[in-house]
Protein backbone atom coordinates (compact mmCIF):
# COMPACT_ATOMS: atom_id res chain seq x y z
CA VAL A 1 -20.88 -24.00 -3.72
CA GLN A 2 -17.36 -24.88 -2.63
CA LEU A 3 -14.66 -22.32 -2.04
CA VAL A 4 -11.03 -23.34 -1.58
CA GLU A 5 -8.41 -20.84 -0.43
CA SER A 6 -4.71 -21.18 -1.16
CA GLY A 7 -1.53 -19.14 -1.08
CA GLY A 8 -1.08 -18.64 2.63
CA GLY A 9 2.22 -19.15 4.39
CA LEU A 10 4.96 -17.63 6.50
CA VAL A 11 6.49 -14.35 5.40
CA GLN A 12 8.67 -11.68 7.00
CA THR A 13 7.49 -8.17 7.76
CA GLY A 14 7.41 -6.14 4.58
CA GLY A 15 6.95 -9.20 2.37
CA SER A 16 4.14 -10.12 0.01
CA LEU A 17 1.71 -12.97 -0.48
CA ARG A 18 -1.01 -13.65 -3.01
CA LEU A 19 -4.08 -15.51 -1.85
CA SER A 20 -6.48 -17.24 -4.20
CA CYS A 21 -9.99 -18.56 -3.67
CA THR A 22 -11.19 -21.03 -6.26
CA ALA A 23 -14.94 -21.51 -6.62
CA SER A 24 -16.70 -24.67 -7.79
CA VAL A 25 -19.03 -22.55 -9.93
CA SER A 26 -18.58 -19.52 -12.11
CA VAL A 27 -17.87 -16.39 -10.11
CA PHE A 28 -20.45 -14.73 -12.34
CA SER A 29 -22.92 -16.45 -10.01
CA PHE A 30 -21.96 -14.21 -7.12
CA SER A 31 -23.18 -10.70 -6.50
CA ALA A 32 -20.21 -10.09 -4.25
CA MET A 33 -17.09 -11.80 -2.96
CA ALA A 34 -14.87 -10.87 -0.07
CA TRP A 35 -11.92 -11.76 2.10
CA TYR A 36 -12.14 -11.88 5.87
CA ARG A 37 -9.52 -12.78 8.44
CA GLN A 38 -9.46 -14.00 11.99
CA ALA A 39 -6.52 -13.50 14.29
CA PRO A 40 -6.01 -15.73 17.34
CA GLY A 41 -8.43 -14.76 20.08
CA LYS A 42 -10.20 -12.19 17.92
CA GLN A 43 -13.40 -12.03 15.92
CA ARG A 44 -13.45 -12.51 12.21
CA GLU A 45 -13.11 -9.17 10.42
CA PHE A 46 -13.70 -7.84 6.94
CA VAL A 47 -10.56 -7.27 4.86
CA ALA A 48 -11.66 -6.52 1.30
CA GLY A 49 -14.62 -7.04 -0.99
CA VAL A 50 -15.57 -6.78 -4.65
CA THR A 51 -18.96 -6.69 -6.31
CA ALA A 52 -20.05 -8.19 -9.62
CA GLY A 53 -19.62 -4.71 -11.03
CA ARG A 54 -16.00 -4.78 -9.81
CA ASP A 55 -16.52 -2.08 -7.19
CA THR A 56 -14.02 -2.68 -4.41
CA ARG A 57 -13.89 -1.83 -0.73
CA TYR A 58 -11.11 -2.25 1.82
CA SER A 59 -10.75 -2.05 5.56
CA ASP A 60 -8.73 0.94 6.70
CA SER A 61 -6.01 -1.34 8.05
CA VAL A 62 -5.17 -2.81 4.62
CA LYS A 63 -6.09 -0.01 2.26
CA ASP A 64 -3.19 0.92 -0.03
CA ARG A 65 -1.40 -2.36 0.78
CA PHE A 66 -3.84 -5.05 -0.39
CA ARG A 67 -5.61 -5.43 -3.72
CA ILE A 68 -8.62 -7.64 -4.37
CA SER A 69 -9.55 -8.90 -7.82
CA ARG A 70 -11.86 -11.39 -9.51
CA ASP A 71 -10.68 -13.59 -12.39
CA ASN A 72 -13.83 -14.66 -14.16
CA THR A 73 -11.93 -16.92 -16.56
CA LYS A 74 -10.47 -18.99 -13.73
CA ASN A 75 -13.36 -18.75 -11.26
CA THR A 76 -11.04 -17.25 -8.67
CA LEU A 77 -10.95 -14.41 -6.22
CA ASN A 78 -7.49 -13.09 -5.49
CA LEU A 79 -5.95 -10.97 -2.76
CA GLN A 80 -2.54 -9.44 -3.40
CA MET A 81 -1.03 -8.52 -0.05
CA ASN A 82 2.00 -6.25 0.05
CA SER A 83 3.98 -4.60 2.84
CA LEU A 84 2.74 -7.22 5.27
CA LYS A 85 2.82 -6.52 8.99
CA PRO A 86 2.69 -8.87 12.00
CA GLU A 87 -0.84 -7.66 12.70
CA ASP A 88 -1.91 -9.12 9.34
CA THR A 89 -1.37 -12.58 10.82
CA GLY A 90 -4.45 -14.77 10.88
CA VAL A 91 -6.58 -17.23 9.00
CA TYR A 92 -7.94 -15.71 5.81
CA PHE A 93 -11.36 -16.76 4.60
CA CYS A 94 -13.10 -16.29 1.29
CA LYS A 95 -16.82 -15.48 1.18
CA ALA A 96 -19.17 -15.53 -1.79
CA VAL A 97 -22.69 -14.14 -1.89
CA ALA A 98 -25.42 -15.40 -4.24
CA GLY A 99 -28.57 -14.81 -2.24
CA TYR A 100 -26.88 -16.85 0.48
CA GLU A 101 -23.37 -16.87 1.83
CA SER A 102 -20.71 -19.49 1.23
CA TRP A 103 -17.40 -19.66 3.07
CA GLY A 104 -14.14 -21.42 2.46
CA GLN A 105 -12.13 -23.26 5.10
CA GLY A 106 -9.43 -20.61 5.30
CA THR A 107 -5.71 -20.35 4.73
CA GLN A 108 -3.15 -19.38 7.37
CA VAL A 109 -1.05 -16.26 6.94
CA THR A 110 1.76 -15.65 9.40
CA VAL A 111 3.89 -12.53 9.29
CA SER A 112 7.02 -12.66 11.40
CA SER A 113 8.58 -9.56 12.91
């Protein structure tokens, strides 16, 4: 399984970005998908996740600002990020679970103050 993230970039505080993760197989294959991020000098942390049944979960730091969604027709996992803050800066990774875990290479998000 290959996962390719896109949509990262530089944005000002309060701005928005939409990340996408495109899978090489149907997302129906995955029991769950999620976004993680890693800030410089910090451990990778959970951001948001969605199950095959479309149940979603968010970290407290992004709840009410980010929205995760799966597009089964395009084999993508999306993350709409609004009201971005400098502390949202980091490399964002996509993870897919199908009995084993697969990870993408990440996309950089930088929020300037």
